[in-house]
Amino acid sequence: MRRAVALIGLFGIVGAGLSLSLLPISKTSAAPSDQRTFLIPASDGYGVADCLSSKSECGKIVADAWCEAQGFAKASAYGLASREDFTGSLSKAKTAQAAPEQPLVITCGG
C-alpha cells in the first residue's frame, strides 16, 4: 500500500513538473514603438524634481527607473513639462495668484 501511494505521489510530482516546464515563459514589456508620456507633480514628495529638470545623469537614471516600473524599457525624454503638455489645468481665477510649480514630464518607450 505504501508503494502505491509513493508511486502515485511520484507521478503527481513528475506531472506537475512537466506541466510547468511546458508553460510559455513570457516577460511583461511594452511594444518597442509604444510610447507614453507621464506628467509628475514637481512636489511629488520623492525629491526627484532636481534630477529630472536638470538633464543630468541622475535624471536619466530616475527616468529610466520610472519607465521600467511602468513596464517600458527606457525613457526617451524627460524634463520640465511645457505649458502645452498640461493646458487647461488652470482656471482664469487662479492665474492672478502665484502659479503652481511646473510639473515634470517623462516619455517612456523605444
Protein backbone atom coordinates (compact mmCIF):
# COMPACT_ATOMS: atom_id res chain seq x y z
CA MET A 1 0.00 0.00 0.00
CA ARG A 2 2.85 2.40 0.80
CA ARG A 3 4.45 1.74 -2.57
CA ALA A 4 1.21 2.56 -4.37
CA VAL A 5 0.81 5.86 -2.51
CA ALA A 6 4.50 6.72 -3.09
CA LEU A 7 4.19 5.84 -6.79
CA ILE A 8 1.07 8.00 -7.19
CA GLY A 9 2.83 10.86 -5.40
CA LEU A 10 5.88 10.49 -7.64
CA PHE A 11 3.73 10.55 -10.78
CA GLY A 12 1.94 13.63 -9.46
CA ILE A 13 5.22 15.47 -8.87
CA VAL A 14 6.59 14.48 -12.29
CA GLY A 15 3.32 15.51 -13.96
CA ALA A 16 3.31 18.88 -12.23
CA GLY A 17 6.95 19.46 -13.21
CA LEU A 18 6.23 18.62 -16.85
CA SER A 19 3.19 20.87 -16.99
CA LEU A 20 5.15 23.79 -15.54
CA SER A 21 8.01 23.23 -17.97
CA LEU A 22 5.62 23.36 -20.93
CA LEU A 23 4.13 26.73 -19.94
CA PRO A 24 5.48 29.60 -22.03
CA ILE A 25 7.88 31.87 -20.21
CA SER A 26 6.99 35.45 -21.01
CA LYS A 27 8.26 38.76 -19.75
CA THR A 28 5.95 41.74 -19.50
CA SER A 29 7.19 44.55 -21.69
CA ALA A 30 5.73 47.20 -23.92
CA ALA A 31 5.97 47.08 -27.67
CA PRO A 32 9.09 48.87 -28.98
CA SER A 33 7.11 51.51 -30.88
CA ASP A 34 4.74 52.14 -27.99
CA GLN A 35 5.37 55.45 -26.22
CA ARG A 36 3.62 57.02 -23.27
CA THR A 37 4.12 60.36 -21.56
CA PHE A 38 3.68 60.79 -17.81
CA LEU A 39 3.19 64.12 -16.00
CA ILE A 40 4.56 64.09 -12.47
CA PRO A 41 4.00 66.91 -9.95
CA ALA A 42 7.24 68.67 -9.08
CA SER A 43 6.34 68.38 -5.41
CA ASP A 44 5.69 64.63 -5.54
CA GLY A 45 7.45 64.05 -2.24
CA TYR A 46 10.24 61.86 -3.62
CA GLY A 47 12.70 64.69 -4.26
CA VAL A 48 13.49 63.75 -7.86
CA ALA A 49 12.49 67.11 -9.36
CA ASP A 50 16.06 68.44 -9.30
CA CYS A 51 17.41 65.43 -11.17
CA LEU A 52 14.67 65.32 -13.79
CA SER A 53 14.65 69.05 -14.50
CA SER A 54 18.43 69.41 -14.87
CA LYS A 55 19.01 66.83 -17.67
CA SER A 56 21.84 65.35 -15.58
CA GLU A 57 22.93 61.73 -15.28
CA CYS A 58 20.80 61.25 -12.16
CA GLY A 59 17.79 62.42 -14.21
CA LYS A 60 18.43 59.69 -16.79
CA ILE A 61 18.65 57.08 -14.02
CA VAL A 62 15.43 58.28 -12.36
CA ALA A 63 13.55 58.49 -15.69
CA ASP A 64 14.69 55.01 -16.75
CA ALA A 65 13.67 53.59 -13.37
CA TRP A 66 10.25 55.25 -13.66
CA CYS A 67 9.72 53.77 -17.12
CA GLU A 68 10.84 50.31 -16.02
CA ALA A 69 8.36 50.47 -13.14
CA GLN A 70 5.63 51.28 -15.67
CA GLY A 71 6.58 48.33 -17.93
CA PHE A 72 8.66 50.16 -20.52
CA ALA A 73 12.27 49.52 -21.50
CA LYS A 74 13.68 53.02 -21.02
CA ALA A 75 12.96 56.74 -21.05
CA SER A 76 13.18 58.52 -24.37
CA ALA A 77 12.76 62.04 -22.94
CA TYR A 78 12.41 63.75 -19.57
CA GLY A 79 12.48 67.23 -18.06
CA LEU A 80 10.14 70.09 -17.22
CA ALA A 81 6.75 69.90 -18.90
CA SER A 82 5.92 72.64 -21.37
CA ARG A 83 2.69 74.59 -20.93
CA GLU A 84 1.20 72.74 -23.92
CA ASP A 85 1.55 69.43 -22.06
CA PHE A 86 -0.95 70.47 -19.40
CA THR A 87 -3.13 73.17 -20.97
CA GLY A 88 -6.45 73.89 -19.36
CA SER A 89 -5.22 72.88 -15.95
CA LEU A 90 -5.61 76.39 -14.52
CA SER A 91 -8.79 78.35 -14.38
CA LYS A 92 -8.73 82.09 -15.13
CA ALA A 93 -9.45 82.90 -11.48
CA LYS A 94 -6.26 81.16 -10.37
CA THR A 95 -3.95 82.80 -12.90
CA ALA A 96 -3.81 86.03 -10.90
CA GLN A 97 -2.38 84.11 -7.94
CA ALA A 98 1.06 82.61 -7.79
CA ALA A 99 1.48 79.92 -10.42
CA PRO A 100 1.97 76.39 -9.09
CA GLU A 101 5.21 74.56 -9.71
CA GLN A 102 5.65 73.37 -13.26
CA PRO A 103 5.20 69.57 -13.47
CA LEU A 104 7.81 67.17 -14.78
CA VAL A 105 7.39 65.02 -17.85
CA ILE A 106 8.82 61.57 -18.63
CA THR A 107 8.25 59.94 -22.02
CA CYS A 108 8.78 56.21 -21.97
CA GLY A 109 9.31 53.88 -24.88
CA GLY A 110 11.59 52.86 -27.72
